[in-house]
Amino acid sequence: MLNEIEDDVIQNLSKLKNRQIIKVFAPCALKQKARKSSNKMKSEKARSSSENKIKKSFVIRIDESTYKLLEKWANDEFRSVNGQIEFLLNQNLINSGRKKKE
């Protein structure tokens, strides 16, 4: 549906007489299309690698101060708190010899 809207916008812009508007908006639409095609390729690659790894979700209870520290640490490393916990668990499993390095 979004693609149809973008195509309508591009068609309507091309009909306009004012070329300044076309110059401003048309490159943005083209960039979005290029971005979508690259995102589609990335998602296909991620899907193929994630199909091999099924993740189990669960609830974890931790005290607020520990969560705040994890949140700060995750932000420092540009991860989500969930991603940071997963990273720490994987690192400790590898370091203890319970998991092979990927």
Protein backbone atom coordinates (compact mmCIF):
# COMPACT_ATOMS: atom_id res chain seq x y z
CA MET A 1 0.00 0.00 0.00
CA LEU A 2 2.85 2.36 0.81
CA ASN A 3 4.38 1.74 -2.61
CA GLU A 4 1.08 2.67 -4.26
CA ILE A 5 0.96 5.93 -2.28
CA GLU A 6 4.55 6.76 -3.24
CA ASP A 7 3.81 6.07 -6.90
CA ASP A 8 0.74 8.35 -6.74
CA VAL A 9 2.81 11.10 -5.14
CA ILE A 10 5.49 10.81 -7.81
CA GLN A 11 2.90 10.86 -10.60
CA ASN A 12 1.14 13.89 -9.13
CA LEU A 13 4.42 15.72 -8.64
CA SER A 14 5.42 15.09 -12.24
CA LYS A 15 2.20 16.76 -13.38
CA LEU A 16 2.98 19.96 -11.50
CA LYS A 17 4.29 22.93 -13.45
CA ASN A 18 6.50 24.16 -10.62
CA ARG A 19 9.79 22.36 -11.13
CA GLN A 20 11.19 23.53 -7.80
CA ILE A 21 8.73 21.29 -6.00
CA ILE A 22 9.64 18.36 -8.21
CA LYS A 23 13.34 18.94 -7.59
CA VAL A 24 12.79 18.88 -3.83
CA PHE A 25 10.46 15.89 -3.51
CA ALA A 26 11.38 13.56 -6.36
CA PRO A 27 14.91 12.76 -5.12
CA CYS A 28 13.46 11.94 -1.68
CA ALA A 29 11.03 9.46 -3.22
CA LEU A 30 13.82 7.86 -5.26
CA LYS A 31 16.00 7.54 -2.18
CA GLN A 32 13.12 5.87 -0.33
CA LYS A 33 12.65 3.37 -3.14
CA ALA A 34 16.37 2.58 -3.15
CA ARG A 35 16.35 2.27 0.63
CA LYS A 36 13.36 -0.09 0.50
CA SER A 37 15.04 -2.38 -2.03
CA SER A 38 18.23 -2.54 0.05
CA ASN A 39 16.18 -3.14 3.23
CA LYS A 40 14.34 -5.95 1.45
CA MET A 41 17.65 -7.59 0.56
CA LYS A 42 18.89 -7.18 4.13
CA SER A 43 15.69 -8.65 5.57
CA GLU A 44 15.97 -11.65 3.23
CA LYS A 45 19.52 -12.26 4.43
CA ALA A 46 18.48 -11.83 8.06
CA ARG A 47 15.50 -14.12 7.57
CA SER A 48 17.68 -16.89 6.15
CA SER A 49 20.13 -16.64 9.06
CA SER A 50 17.40 -16.23 11.67
CA GLU A 51 15.53 -19.29 10.38
CA ASN A 52 18.37 -21.35 11.78
CA LYS A 53 18.14 -19.65 15.18
CA ILE A 54 14.76 -19.89 16.88
CA LYS A 55 14.72 -17.72 19.98
CA LYS A 56 12.83 -18.61 23.13
CA SER A 57 11.16 -15.74 24.95
CA PHE A 58 10.87 -15.66 28.73
CA VAL A 59 10.29 -13.24 31.59
CA ILE A 60 13.18 -12.17 33.79
CA ARG A 61 12.86 -10.37 37.09
CA ILE A 62 15.75 -8.18 38.19
CA ASP A 63 15.97 -5.33 40.65
CA GLU A 64 15.68 -1.78 39.37
CA SER A 65 19.28 -0.77 40.08
CA THR A 66 20.62 -3.73 38.09
CA TYR A 67 18.30 -2.87 35.22
CA LYS A 68 19.47 0.75 35.23
CA LEU A 69 23.11 -0.40 35.06
CA LEU A 70 22.32 -2.83 32.22
CA GLU A 71 20.42 -0.09 30.40
CA LYS A 72 23.38 2.31 30.63
CA TRP A 73 25.82 -0.38 29.54
CA ALA A 74 23.58 -1.34 26.60
CA ASN A 75 23.29 2.30 25.52
CA ASP A 76 27.07 2.66 25.67
CA GLU A 77 27.39 -0.27 23.25
CA PHE A 78 24.42 0.75 21.06
CA ARG A 79 22.31 -2.27 22.04
CA SER A 80 18.91 -2.78 23.59
CA VAL A 81 18.77 -4.10 27.15
CA ASN A 82 17.49 -7.39 25.77
CA GLY A 83 20.37 -7.51 23.28
CA GLN A 84 22.87 -6.72 26.03
CA ILE A 85 21.58 -9.52 28.23
CA GLU A 86 21.73 -11.93 25.29
CA PHE A 87 25.29 -10.77 24.48
CA LEU A 88 26.43 -11.23 28.09
CA LEU A 89 24.87 -14.68 28.34
CA ASN A 90 26.50 -15.79 25.07
CA GLN A 91 29.90 -14.44 26.13
CA ASN A 92 29.74 -16.25 29.47
CA LEU A 93 28.65 -19.50 27.82
CA ILE A 94 31.60 -19.26 25.42
CA ASN A 95 34.06 -18.31 28.20
CA SER A 96 32.93 -21.25 30.38
CA GLY A 97 33.40 -23.67 27.47
CA ARG A 98 29.71 -24.60 27.37
CA LYS A 99 29.19 -23.09 23.91
CA LYS A 100 31.39 -23.13 20.82
CA LYS A 101 32.50 -19.78 19.39
CA GLU A 102 30.49 -18.88 16.30
